[in-house]
Amino acid sequence: MNVIPLPLPQHGDIDSASNPRAFMGGALAYASLHLDHAYDHLAMGDAPALMRSVRKFAAFANAALDTLPEAMRQLTTEAEHDG
């Protein structure tokens, strides 16, 4: 599976309240990483590892979705200031 390479932030580097767009980017990067791992576990037939990776993917994807409204507000505010 081809995954878009995104820089993975270190834990504690991103605060969703102060920078929701960056938090969302980090959550999507981790979701992508765990989705790639899940694909590998599926190909190898490792059911327990597959389940762990899918759960981690879902957790990060849900974190990104939860941050979406704040990230959209941040993007809108930045666009209004830029032009």
PDB file of N, CA and C in Angstrom:
ATOM      1  N   MET A   1       0.844  -1.172   0.000  1.00  0.00           N
ATOM      2  CA  MET A   1       0.000   0.000   0.000  1.00  0.00           C
ATOM      3  C   MET A   1       0.890   1.235   0.000  1.00  0.00           C
ATOM      4  N   ASN A   2       0.563   2.208  -0.801  1.00  0.00           N
ATOM      5  CA  ASN A   2       1.302   3.452  -0.820  1.00  0.00           C
ATOM      6  C   ASN A   2       0.660   4.448   0.129  1.00  0.00           C
ATOM      7  N   VAL A   3       1.463   4.978   1.007  1.00  0.00           N
ATOM      8  CA  VAL A   3       0.983   5.932   1.996  1.00  0.00           C
ATOM      9  C   VAL A   3       1.709   7.246   1.765  1.00  0.00           C
ATOM     10  N   ILE A   4       0.984   8.329   1.872  1.00  0.00           N
ATOM     11  CA  ILE A   4       1.600   9.641   1.714  1.00  0.00           C
ATOM     12  C   ILE A   4       2.529   9.885   2.891  1.00  0.00           C
ATOM     13  N   PRO A   5       3.807  10.122   2.652  1.00  0.00           N
ATOM     14  CA  PRO A   5       4.718  10.346   3.771  1.00  0.00           C
ATOM     15  C   PRO A   5       4.481  11.727   4.391  1.00  0.00           C
ATOM     16  N   LEU A   6       4.173  11.721   5.652  1.00  0.00           N
ATOM     17  CA  LEU A   6       4.003  12.963   6.397  1.00  0.00           C
ATOM     18  C   LEU A   6       4.942  12.927   7.587  1.00  0.00           C
ATOM     19  N   PRO A   7       5.491  14.055   7.976  1.00  0.00           N
ATOM     20  CA  PRO A   7       6.367  14.045   9.149  1.00  0.00           C
ATOM     21  C   PRO A   7       5.551  13.709  10.391  1.00  0.00           C
ATOM     22  N   LEU A   8       6.080  12.811  11.201  1.00  0.00           N
ATOM     23  CA  LEU A   8       5.386  12.426  12.416  1.00  0.00           C
ATOM     24  C   LEU A   8       5.857  13.301  13.570  1.00  0.00           C
ATOM     25  N   PRO A   9       4.957  14.032  14.204  1.00  0.00           N
ATOM     26  CA  PRO A   9       5.355  14.870  15.328  1.00  0.00           C
ATOM     27  C   PRO A   9       5.693  14.017  16.544  1.00  0.00           C
ATOM     28  N   GLN A  10       6.506  14.546  17.405  1.00  0.00           N
ATOM     29  CA  GLN A  10       6.812  13.871  18.653  1.00  0.00           C
ATOM     30  C   GLN A  10       5.657  14.093  19.615  1.00  0.00           C
ATOM     31  N   HIS A  11       5.417  13.124  20.474  1.00  0.00           N
ATOM     32  CA  HIS A  11       4.329  13.265  21.444  1.00  0.00           C
ATOM     33  C   HIS A  11       4.547  14.529  22.269  1.00  0.00           C
ATOM     34  N   GLY A  12       3.507  15.297  22.440  1.00  0.00           N
ATOM     35  CA  GLY A  12       3.580  16.516  23.223  1.00  0.00           C
ATOM     36  C   GLY A  12       3.970  17.745  22.430  1.00  0.00           C
ATOM     37  N   ASP A  13       4.341  17.563  21.154  1.00  0.00           N
ATOM     38  CA  ASP A  13       4.753  18.706  20.342  1.00  0.00           C
ATOM     39  C   ASP A  13       3.575  19.533  19.849  1.00  0.00           C
ATOM     40  N   ILE A  14       2.418  18.922  19.737  1.00  0.00           N
ATOM     41  CA  ILE A  14       1.283  19.602  19.134  1.00  0.00           C
ATOM     42  C   ILE A  14       0.123  19.634  20.112  1.00  0.00           C
ATOM     43  N   ASP A  15      -0.426  20.802  20.292  1.00  0.00           N
ATOM     44  CA  ASP A  15      -1.562  20.995  21.187  1.00  0.00           C
ATOM     45  C   ASP A  15      -2.769  21.334  20.324  1.00  0.00           C
ATOM     46  N   SER A  16      -3.837  20.538  20.413  1.00  0.00           N
ATOM     47  CA  SER A  16      -4.994  20.757  19.552  1.00  0.00           C
ATOM     48  C   SER A  16      -5.668  22.090  19.811  1.00  0.00           C
ATOM     49  N   ALA A  17      -5.568  22.606  21.028  1.00  0.00           N
ATOM     50  CA  ALA A  17      -6.211  23.878  21.346  1.00  0.00           C
ATOM     51  C   ALA A  17      -5.477  25.053  20.727  1.00  0.00           C
ATOM     52  N   SER A  18      -4.150  25.006  20.687  1.00  0.00           N
ATOM     53  CA  SER A  18      -3.393  26.146  20.177  1.00  0.00           C
ATOM     54  C   SER A  18      -3.157  26.069  18.670  1.00  0.00           C
ATOM     55  N   ASN A  19      -3.148  24.873  18.105  1.00  0.00           N
ATOM     56  CA  ASN A  19      -2.900  24.740  16.674  1.00  0.00           C
ATOM     57  C   ASN A  19      -3.646  23.516  16.131  1.00  0.00           C
ATOM     58  N   PRO A  20      -4.967  23.638  15.963  1.00  0.00           N
ATOM     59  CA  PRO A  20      -5.746  22.470  15.546  1.00  0.00           C
ATOM     60  C   PRO A  20      -5.354  21.920  14.178  1.00  0.00           C
ATOM     61  N   ARG A  21      -4.916  22.779  13.275  1.00  0.00           N
ATOM     62  CA  ARG A  21      -4.524  22.290  11.945  1.00  0.00           C
ATOM     63  C   ARG A  21      -3.296  21.392  12.052  1.00  0.00           C
ATOM     64  N   ALA A  22      -2.326  21.785  12.852  1.00  0.00           N
ATOM     65  CA  ALA A  22      -1.124  20.969  13.037  1.00  0.00           C
ATOM     66  C   ALA A  22      -1.462  19.671  13.766  1.00  0.00           C
ATOM     67  N   PHE A  23      -2.344  19.760  14.764  1.00  0.00           N
ATOM     68  CA  PHE A  23      -2.764  18.552  15.474  1.00  0.00           C
ATOM     69  C   PHE A  23      -3.439  17.581  14.514  1.00  0.00           C
ATOM     70  N   MET A  24      -4.307  18.109  13.662  1.00  0.00           N
ATOM     71  CA  MET A  24      -5.010  17.264  12.705  1.00  0.00           C
ATOM     72  C   MET A  24      -4.016  16.622  11.736  1.00  0.00           C
ATOM     73  N   GLY A  25      -3.035  17.383  11.294  1.00  0.00           N
ATOM     74  CA  GLY A  25      -2.012  16.828  10.405  1.00  0.00           C
ATOM     75  C   GLY A  25      -1.247  15.690  11.057  1.00  0.00           C
ATOM     76  N   GLY A  26      -0.909  15.857  12.330  1.00  0.00           N
ATOM     77  CA  GLY A  26      -0.223  14.795  13.052  1.00  0.00           C
ATOM     78  C   GLY A  26      -1.098  13.568  13.219  1.00  0.00           C
ATOM     79  N   ALA A  27      -2.363  13.787  13.548  1.00  0.00           N
ATOM     80  CA  ALA A  27      -3.286  12.662  13.711  1.00  0.00           C
ATOM     81  C   ALA A  27      -3.446  11.905  12.388  1.00  0.00           C
ATOM     82  N   LEU A  28      -3.536  12.630  11.281  1.00  0.00           N
ATOM     83  CA  LEU A  28      -3.652  11.974   9.977  1.00  0.00           C
ATOM     84  C   LEU A  28      -2.377  11.210   9.618  1.00  0.00           C
ATOM     85  N   ALA A  29      -1.222  11.766   9.999  1.00  0.00           N
ATOM     86  CA  ALA A  29       0.042  11.079   9.723  1.00  0.00           C
ATOM     87  C   ALA A  29       0.111   9.762  10.490  1.00  0.00           C
ATOM     88  N   TYR A  30      -0.274   9.792  11.758  1.00  0.00           N
ATOM     89  CA  TYR A  30      -0.259   8.558  12.546  1.00  0.00           C
ATOM     90  C   TYR A  30      -1.314   7.574  12.044  1.00  0.00           C
ATOM     91  N   ALA A  31      -2.478   8.066  11.645  1.00  0.00           N
ATOM     92  CA  ALA A  31      -3.512   7.181  11.087  1.00  0.00           C
ATOM     93  C   ALA A  31      -2.974   6.490   9.837  1.00  0.00           C
ATOM     94  N   SER A  32      -2.303   7.241   8.990  1.00  0.00           N
ATOM     95  CA  SER A  32      -1.735   6.690   7.767  1.00  0.00           C
ATOM     96  C   SER A  32      -0.691   5.615   8.080  1.00  0.00           C
ATOM     97  N   LEU A  33       0.144   5.888   9.067  1.00  0.00           N
ATOM     98  CA  LEU A  33       1.169   4.927   9.473  1.00  0.00           C
ATOM     99  C   LEU A  33       0.524   3.618   9.938  1.00  0.00           C
ATOM    100  N   HIS A  34      -0.496   3.720  10.796  1.00  0.00           N
ATOM    101  CA  HIS A  34      -1.130   2.513  11.311  1.00  0.00           C
ATOM    102  C   HIS A  34      -1.949   1.792  10.243  1.00  0.00           C
ATOM    103  N   LEU A  35      -2.488   2.520   9.290  1.00  0.00           N
ATOM    104  CA  LEU A  35      -3.183   1.875   8.178  1.00  0.00           C
ATOM    105  C   LEU A  35      -2.195   1.074   7.332  1.00  0.00           C
ATOM    106  N   ASP A  36      -1.022   1.615   7.122  1.00  0.00           N
ATOM    107  CA  ASP A  36       0.018   0.904   6.388  1.00  0.00           C
ATOM    108  C   ASP A  36       0.431  -0.357   7.141  1.00  0.00           C
ATOM    109  N   HIS A  37       0.579  -0.237   8.468  1.00  0.00           N
ATOM    110  CA  HIS A  37       0.922  -1.416   9.267  1.00  0.00           C
ATOM    111  C   HIS A  37      -0.188  -2.465   9.180  1.00  0.00           C
ATOM    112  N   ALA A  38      -1.440  -2.012   9.232  1.00  0.00           N
ATOM    113  CA  ALA A  38      -2.571  -2.939   9.148  1.00  0.00           C
ATOM    114  C   ALA A  38      -2.537  -3.711   7.830  1.00  0.00           C
ATOM    115  N   TYR A  39      -2.240  -3.008   6.764  1.00  0.00           N
ATOM    116  CA  TYR A  39      -2.158  -3.660   5.449  1.00  0.00           C
ATOM    117  C   TYR A  39      -1.077  -4.746   5.463  1.00  0.00           C
ATOM    118  N   ASP A  40       0.071  -4.438   6.066  1.00  0.00           N
ATOM    119  CA  ASP A  40       1.152  -5.423   6.158  1.00  0.00           C
ATOM    120  C   ASP A  40       0.729  -6.633   6.991  1.00  0.00           C
ATOM    121  N   HIS A  41       0.063  -6.388   8.122  1.00  0.00           N
ATOM    122  CA  HIS A  41      -0.384  -7.486   8.980  1.00  0.00           C
ATOM    123  C   HIS A  41      -1.422  -8.350   8.257  1.00  0.00           C
ATOM    124  N   LEU A  42      -2.278  -7.713   7.487  1.00  0.00           N
ATOM    125  CA  LEU A  42      -3.274  -8.453   6.703  1.00  0.00           C
ATOM    126  C   LEU A  42      -2.580  -9.361   5.695  1.00  0.00           C
ATOM    127  N   ALA A  43      -1.583  -8.817   5.012  1.00  0.00           N
ATOM    128  CA  ALA A  43      -0.853  -9.596   4.010  1.00  0.00           C
ATOM    129  C   ALA A  43      -0.115 -10.772   4.646  1.00  0.00           C
ATOM    130  N   MET A  44       0.362 -10.594   5.886  1.00  0.00           N
ATOM    131  CA  MET A  44       1.096 -11.662   6.571  1.00  0.00           C
ATOM    132  C   MET A  44       0.168 -12.623   7.300  1.00  0.00           C
ATOM    133  N   GLY A  45      -1.111 -12.281   7.411  1.00  0.00           N
ATOM    134  CA  GLY A  45      -2.050 -13.146   8.107  1.00  0.00           C
ATOM    135  C   GLY A  45      -1.941 -13.079   9.621  1.00  0.00           C
ATOM    136  N   ASP A  46      -1.433 -11.990  10.132  1.00  0.00           N
ATOM    137  CA  ASP A  46      -1.262 -11.811  11.583  1.00  0.00           C
ATOM    138  C   ASP A  46      -2.492 -11.099  12.147  1.00  0.00           C
ATOM    139  N   ALA A  47      -3.510 -11.881  12.510  1.00  0.00           N
ATOM    140  CA  ALA A  47      -4.794 -11.318  12.950  1.00  0.00           C
ATOM    141  C   ALA A  47      -4.684 -10.446  14.205  1.00  0.00           C
ATOM    142  N   PRO A  48      -3.965 -10.848  15.257  1.00  0.00           N
ATOM    143  CA  PRO A  48      -3.886  -9.992  16.447  1.00  0.00           C
ATOM    144  C   PRO A  48      -3.227  -8.638  16.147  1.00  0.00           C
ATOM    145  N   ALA A  49      -2.152  -8.665  15.379  1.00  0.00           N
ATOM    146  CA  ALA A  49      -1.478  -7.413  15.028  1.00  0.00           C
ATOM    147  C   ALA A  49      -2.355  -6.562  14.118  1.00  0.00           C
ATOM    148  N   LEU A  50      -3.083  -7.212  13.217  1.00  0.00           N
ATOM    149  CA  LEU A  50      -4.015  -6.494  12.345  1.00  0.00           C
ATOM    150  C   LEU A  50      -5.059  -5.763  13.181  1.00  0.00           C
ATOM    151  N   MET A  51      -5.614  -6.432  14.157  1.00  0.00           N
ATOM    152  CA  MET A  51      -6.633  -5.825  15.001  1.00  0.00           C
ATOM    153  C   MET A  51      -6.070  -4.615  15.766  1.00  0.00           C
ATOM    154  N   ARG A  52      -4.868  -4.763  16.294  1.00  0.00           N
ATOM    155  CA  ARG A  52      -4.245  -3.638  17.013  1.00  0.00           C
ATOM    156  C   ARG A  52      -4.033  -2.443  16.090  1.00  0.00           C
ATOM    157  N   SER A  53      -3.519  -2.716  14.901  1.00  0.00           N
ATOM    158  CA  SER A  53      -3.240  -1.620  13.968  1.00  0.00           C
ATOM    159  C   SER A  53      -4.517  -0.941  13.495  1.00  0.00           C
ATOM    160  N   VAL A  54      -5.560  -1.715  13.248  1.00  0.00           N
ATOM    161  CA  VAL A  54      -6.829  -1.127  12.807  1.00  0.00           C
ATOM    162  C   VAL A  54      -7.413  -0.261  13.923  1.00  0.00           C
ATOM    163  N   ARG A  55      -7.315  -0.722  15.147  1.00  0.00           N
ATOM    164  CA  ARG A  55      -7.812   0.079  16.278  1.00  0.00           C
ATOM    165  C   ARG A  55      -7.026   1.379  16.430  1.00  0.00           C
ATOM    166  N   LYS A  56      -5.710   1.310  16.268  1.00  0.00           N
ATOM    167  CA  LYS A  56      -4.894   2.523  16.356  1.00  0.00           C
ATOM    168  C   LYS A  56      -5.227   3.472  15.206  1.00  0.00           C
ATOM    169  N   PHE A  57      -5.385   2.911  14.000  1.00  0.00           N
ATOM    170  CA  PHE A  57      -5.786   3.734  12.861  1.00  0.00           C
ATOM    171  C   PHE A  57      -7.097   4.453  13.163  1.00  0.00           C
ATOM    172  N   ALA A  58      -8.077   3.714  13.668  1.00  0.00           N
ATOM    173  CA  ALA A  58      -9.391   4.300  13.956  1.00  0.00           C
ATOM    174  C   ALA A  58      -9.292   5.394  15.011  1.00  0.00           C
ATOM    175  N   ALA A  59      -8.481   5.184  16.020  1.00  0.00           N
ATOM    176  CA  ALA A  59      -8.339   6.188  17.078  1.00  0.00           C
ATOM    177  C   ALA A  59      -7.766   7.491  16.517  1.00  0.00           C
ATOM    178  N   PHE A  60      -6.727   7.387  15.691  1.00  0.00           N
ATOM    179  CA  PHE A  60      -6.136   8.603  15.122  1.00  0.00           C
ATOM    180  C   PHE A  60      -7.043   9.243  14.083  1.00  0.00           C
ATOM    181  N   ALA A  61      -7.743   8.432  13.301  1.00  0.00           N
ATOM    182  CA  ALA A  61      -8.684   8.992  12.330  1.00  0.00           C
ATOM    183  C   ALA A  61      -9.812   9.724  13.046  1.00  0.00           C
ATOM    184  N   ASN A  62     -10.308   9.160  14.144  1.00  0.00           N
ATOM    185  CA  ASN A  62     -11.351   9.837  14.922  1.00  0.00           C
ATOM    186  C   ASN A  62     -10.844  11.123  15.554  1.00  0.00           C
ATOM    187  N   ALA A  63      -9.592  11.128  16.012  1.00  0.00           N
ATOM    188  CA  ALA A  63      -9.015  12.359  16.565  1.00  0.00           C
ATOM    189  C   ALA A  63      -8.955  13.439  15.489  1.00  0.00           C
ATOM    190  N   ALA A  64      -8.581  13.056  14.275  1.00  0.00           N
ATOM    191  CA  ALA A  64      -8.545  14.022  13.169  1.00  0.00           C
ATOM    192  C   ALA A  64      -9.944  14.546  12.868  1.00  0.00           C
ATOM    193  N   LEU A  65     -10.929  13.657  12.835  1.00  0.00           N
ATOM    194  CA  LEU A  65     -12.309  14.081  12.572  1.00  0.00           C
ATOM    195  C   LEU A  65     -12.834  14.997  13.673  1.00  0.00           C
ATOM    196  N   ASP A  66     -12.481  14.703  14.915  1.00  0.00           N
ATOM    197  CA  ASP A  66     -12.918  15.547  16.027  1.00  0.00           C
ATOM    198  C   ASP A  66     -12.320  16.949  15.948  1.00  0.00           C
ATOM    199  N   THR A  67     -11.144  17.051  15.349  1.00  0.00           N
ATOM    200  CA  THR A  67     -10.452  18.336  15.253  1.00  0.00           C
ATOM    201  C   THR A  67     -10.849  19.113  14.005  1.00  0.00           C
ATOM    202  N   LEU A  68     -11.558  18.470  13.084  1.00  0.00           N
ATOM    203  CA  LEU A  68     -11.892  19.095  11.803  1.00  0.00           C
ATOM    204  C   LEU A  68     -12.570  20.465  11.930  1.00  0.00           C
ATOM    205  N   PRO A  69     -13.587  20.643  12.776  1.00  0.00           N
ATOM    206  CA  PRO A  69     -14.217  21.971  12.852  1.00  0.00           C
ATOM    207  C   PRO A  69     -13.244  23.078  13.279  1.00  0.00           C
ATOM    208  N   GLU A  70     -12.402  22.777  14.269  1.00  0.00           N
ATOM    209  CA  GLU A  70     -11.436  23.784  14.718  1.00  0.00           C
ATOM    210  C   GLU A  70     -10.377  24.068  13.653  1.00  0.00           C
ATOM    211  N   ALA A  71      -9.948  23.023  12.958  1.00  0.00           N
ATOM    212  CA  ALA A  71      -8.962  23.212  11.892  1.00  0.00           C
ATOM    213  C   ALA A  71      -9.546  24.045  10.761  1.00  0.00           C
ATOM    214  N   MET A  72     -10.805  23.815  10.416  1.00  0.00           N
ATOM    215  CA  MET A  72     -11.450  24.601   9.354  1.00  0.00           C
ATOM    216  C   MET A  72     -11.572  26.072   9.774  1.00  0.00           C
ATOM    217  N   ARG A  73     -11.907  26.312  11.054  1.00  0.00           N
ATOM    218  CA  ARG A  73     -11.963  27.705  11.529  1.00  0.00           C
ATOM    219  C   ARG A  73     -10.594  28.364  11.442  1.00  0.00           C
ATOM    220  N   GLN A  74      -9.561  27.622  11.819  1.00  0.00           N
ATOM    221  CA  GLN A  74      -8.198  28.156  11.742  1.00  0.00           C
ATOM    222  C   GLN A  74      -7.840  28.487  10.306  1.00  0.00           C
ATOM    223  N   LEU A  75      -8.144  27.598   9.367  1.00  0.00           N
ATOM    224  CA  LEU A  75      -7.834  27.845   7.960  1.00  0.00           C
ATOM    225  C   LEU A  75      -8.602  29.058   7.431  1.00  0.00           C
ATOM    226  N   THR A  76      -9.874  29.175   7.818  1.00  0.00           N
ATOM    227  CA  THR A  76     -10.676  30.310   7.390  1.00  0.00           C
ATOM    228  C   THR A  76     -10.127  31.614   7.933  1.00  0.00           C
ATOM    229  N   THR A  77      -9.765  31.612   9.209  1.00  0.00           N
ATOM    230  CA  THR A  77      -9.183  32.813   9.837  1.00  0.00           C
ATOM    231  C   THR A  77      -7.878  33.197   9.171  1.00  0.00           C
ATOM    232  N   GLU A  78      -7.025  32.214   8.897  1.00  0.00           N
ATOM    233  CA  GLU A  78      -5.748  32.509   8.239  1.00  0.00           C
ATOM    234  C   GLU A  78      -5.968  33.043   6.827  1.00  0.00           C
ATOM    235  N   ALA A  79      -6.945  32.495   6.105  1.00  0.00           N
ATOM    236  CA  ALA A  79      -7.223  32.973   4.750  1.00  0.00           C
ATOM    237  C   ALA A  79      -7.750  34.401   4.769  1.00  0.00           C
ATOM    238  N   GLU A  80      -8.570  34.739   5.759  1.00  0.00           N
ATOM    239  CA  GLU A  80      -9.089  36.097   5.872  1.00  0.00           C
ATOM    240  C   GLU A  80      -7.981  37.085   6.179  1.00  0.00           C
ATOM    241  N   HIS A  81      -7.001  36.664   6.978  1.00  0.00           N
ATOM    242  CA  HIS A  81      -5.885  37.551   7.322  1.00  0.00           C
ATOM    243  C   HIS A  81      -4.906  37.716   6.157  1.00  0.00           C
ATOM    244  N   ASP A  82      -4.795  36.674   5.348  1.00  0.00           N
ATOM    245  CA  ASP A  82      -3.845  36.714   4.229  1.00  0.00           C
ATOM    246  C   ASP A  82      -4.390  37.465   3.009  1.00  0.00           C
ATOM    247  N   GLY A  83      -5.656  37.574   2.924  1.00  0.00           N
ATOM    248  CA  GLY A  83      -6.109  38.224   1.693  1.00  0.00           C
ATOM    249  C   GLY A  83      -7.456  38.775   1.826  1.00  0.00           C
TER     250      GLY A  83
END
